[in-house]
């Protein structure tokens, strides 16, 4: 059996979007892909991201917020940035075989308003990321 291709999700702080993507790909395609996520910085796991993923039936509470590891970056099959800042400031990928994509999503951590309005923003981003992950898994097999 061949080794599973590694998908490395990157964001600025590895607290929301990349964690959500990591959770969905592990749940929906973990049998086909090795999944990791990281950030330009480690901001810690956002509790609202954990909450909205739990609502979707996925537990990411045990995930850690990590800084980009250049070794992982260069052994990945796919590097997928989820915010413009990470896309623009991603370290140079030395491996020419790595496929790099940018899937831009709004940062739900910057949402303002009531708690319910903020959670609605998180749910919207969560659902948009889930749609991209479902498409990725369907097209990748």
Protein backbone atom coordinates (compact mmCIF):
# COMPACT_ATOMS: atom_id res chain seq x y z
CA UNK A 1 0.00 0.00 0.00
CA UNK A 2 1.37 3.43 -0.92
CA UNK A 3 1.94 6.19 1.59
CA UNK A 4 -0.91 8.69 1.91
CA UNK A 5 -0.21 12.12 0.40
CA UNK A 6 0.26 14.86 2.97
CA UNK A 7 -2.00 17.91 2.90
CA UNK A 8 -0.63 20.88 4.86
CA UNK A 9 -3.16 23.63 5.64
CA UNK A 10 -1.65 27.02 6.43
CA UNK A 11 -3.09 30.17 7.93
CA UNK A 12 -1.79 33.16 9.85
CA UNK A 13 -2.30 31.89 13.41
CA UNK A 14 -3.36 28.24 13.03
CA UNK A 15 -6.31 28.97 15.32
CA UNK A 16 -9.48 28.88 13.15
CA UNK A 17 -9.54 28.29 9.39
CA UNK A 18 -6.63 25.88 9.12
CA UNK A 19 -7.90 23.99 12.17
CA UNK A 20 -11.37 23.70 10.63
CA UNK A 21 -9.90 22.46 7.34
CA UNK A 22 -7.69 20.00 9.20
CA UNK A 23 -10.70 18.65 11.10
CA UNK A 24 -12.87 18.26 8.01
CA UNK A 25 -10.21 16.59 5.87
CA UNK A 26 -9.35 14.18 8.66
CA UNK A 27 -13.06 13.35 9.04
CA UNK A 28 -13.95 13.18 5.35
CA UNK A 29 -10.72 12.01 3.75
CA UNK A 30 -8.39 10.85 6.51
CA UNK A 31 -8.27 7.38 5.03
CA UNK A 32 -6.78 8.87 1.85
CA UNK A 33 -4.67 11.76 3.16
CA UNK A 34 -2.28 12.56 5.97
CA UNK A 35 -3.41 15.95 7.31
CA UNK A 36 -1.49 18.65 9.16
CA UNK A 37 -2.02 22.34 9.76
CA UNK A 38 0.15 25.21 10.90
CA UNK A 39 0.45 28.97 10.93
CA UNK A 40 2.95 31.73 10.38
CA UNK A 41 2.49 32.12 14.13
CA UNK A 42 0.77 29.96 16.74
CA UNK A 43 -2.17 31.86 18.24
CA UNK A 44 -3.71 28.92 20.08
CA UNK A 45 -6.85 27.02 19.22
CA UNK A 46 -9.86 29.36 18.99
CA UNK A 47 -12.64 28.11 21.32
CA UNK A 48 -15.35 29.22 18.87
CA UNK A 49 -13.73 27.11 16.13
CA UNK A 50 -13.83 24.15 18.50
CA UNK A 51 -17.48 24.90 19.30
CA UNK A 52 -18.72 25.17 15.70
CA UNK A 53 -16.80 22.05 14.68
CA UNK A 54 -18.38 20.16 17.60
CA UNK A 55 -21.77 21.30 16.26
CA UNK A 56 -20.76 19.63 12.98
CA UNK A 57 -19.85 16.44 14.84
CA UNK A 58 -16.07 16.87 14.65
CA UNK A 59 -13.87 17.20 17.74
CA UNK A 60 -10.80 19.37 17.16
CA UNK A 61 -10.32 20.18 20.85
CA UNK A 62 -7.18 18.04 20.99
CA UNK A 63 -5.51 19.82 18.07
CA UNK A 64 -2.49 21.99 18.72
CA UNK A 65 -1.70 25.38 17.21
CA UNK A 66 1.67 25.02 15.50
CA UNK A 67 4.12 27.16 13.55
CA UNK A 68 4.99 26.11 9.99
CA UNK A 69 7.62 23.38 9.90
CA UNK A 70 9.81 23.69 6.79
CA UNK A 71 10.46 19.94 6.68
CA UNK A 72 6.72 19.19 6.65
CA UNK A 73 6.21 22.00 4.11
CA UNK A 74 8.69 20.41 1.72
CA UNK A 75 7.42 16.83 2.06
CA UNK A 76 3.77 17.78 1.57
CA UNK A 77 1.94 16.75 -1.58
CA UNK A 78 -0.36 19.77 -1.19
CA UNK A 79 0.17 23.06 0.63
CA UNK A 80 -3.12 24.92 0.91
CA UNK A 81 -3.22 28.46 2.30
CA UNK A 82 -6.54 29.62 3.72
CA UNK A 83 -5.86 33.34 4.11
CA UNK A 84 -4.17 35.95 1.99
CA UNK A 85 -1.57 36.78 4.63
CA UNK A 86 -0.37 33.17 4.81
CA UNK A 87 -0.41 32.93 1.01
CA UNK A 88 1.74 36.05 0.67
CA UNK A 89 4.14 35.15 3.51
CA UNK A 90 4.38 31.38 3.11
CA UNK A 91 8.00 30.25 3.40
CA UNK A 92 9.62 29.24 0.14
CA UNK A 93 8.81 25.67 -0.79
CA UNK A 94 12.01 23.98 -1.95
CA UNK A 95 10.37 20.82 -3.31
CA UNK A 96 9.20 21.43 -6.91
CA UNK A 97 6.70 18.55 -6.62
CA UNK A 98 4.59 20.28 -3.95
CA UNK A 99 1.27 21.54 -5.28
CA UNK A 100 0.43 24.89 -3.68
CA UNK A 101 -3.11 26.24 -3.74
CA UNK A 102 -4.78 29.22 -2.13
CA UNK A 103 -8.33 28.92 -0.83
CA UNK A 104 -9.16 32.30 0.67
CA UNK A 105 -11.72 32.53 3.47
CA UNK A 106 -12.65 35.46 5.71
CA UNK A 107 -11.19 35.34 9.21
CA UNK A 108 -14.05 34.55 11.60
CA UNK A 109 -11.87 35.58 14.55
CA UNK A 110 -12.26 39.17 13.34
CA UNK A 111 -16.06 38.99 13.45
CA UNK A 112 -17.83 41.56 15.59
CA UNK A 113 -21.31 41.85 17.05
CA UNK A 114 -23.25 39.77 19.50
CA UNK A 115 -22.04 36.31 20.39
CA UNK A 116 -24.69 34.81 18.10
CA UNK A 117 -23.58 37.07 15.20
CA UNK A 118 -19.96 36.09 15.75
CA UNK A 119 -20.88 32.40 15.87
CA UNK A 120 -22.86 32.85 12.65
CA UNK A 121 -19.66 34.10 10.99
CA UNK A 122 -17.75 31.08 12.30
CA UNK A 123 -20.48 28.74 11.03
CA UNK A 124 -20.47 30.39 7.61
CA UNK A 125 -16.70 29.98 7.25
CA UNK A 126 -16.92 26.43 8.62
CA UNK A 127 -19.55 25.49 6.03
CA UNK A 128 -17.61 27.11 3.17
CA UNK A 129 -14.44 25.24 4.14
CA UNK A 130 -16.41 21.98 4.40
CA UNK A 131 -17.64 22.49 0.84
CA UNK A 132 -14.09 22.96 -0.45
CA UNK A 133 -12.88 19.89 1.45
CA UNK A 134 -15.72 17.75 0.08
CA UNK A 135 -14.84 18.85 -3.46
CA UNK A 136 -11.13 18.18 -2.84
CA UNK A 137 -11.83 14.65 -1.58
CA UNK A 138 -14.20 13.89 -4.48
CA UNK A 139 -11.77 15.15 -7.12
CA UNK A 140 -8.71 13.61 -5.51
CA UNK A 141 -9.92 10.03 -5.66
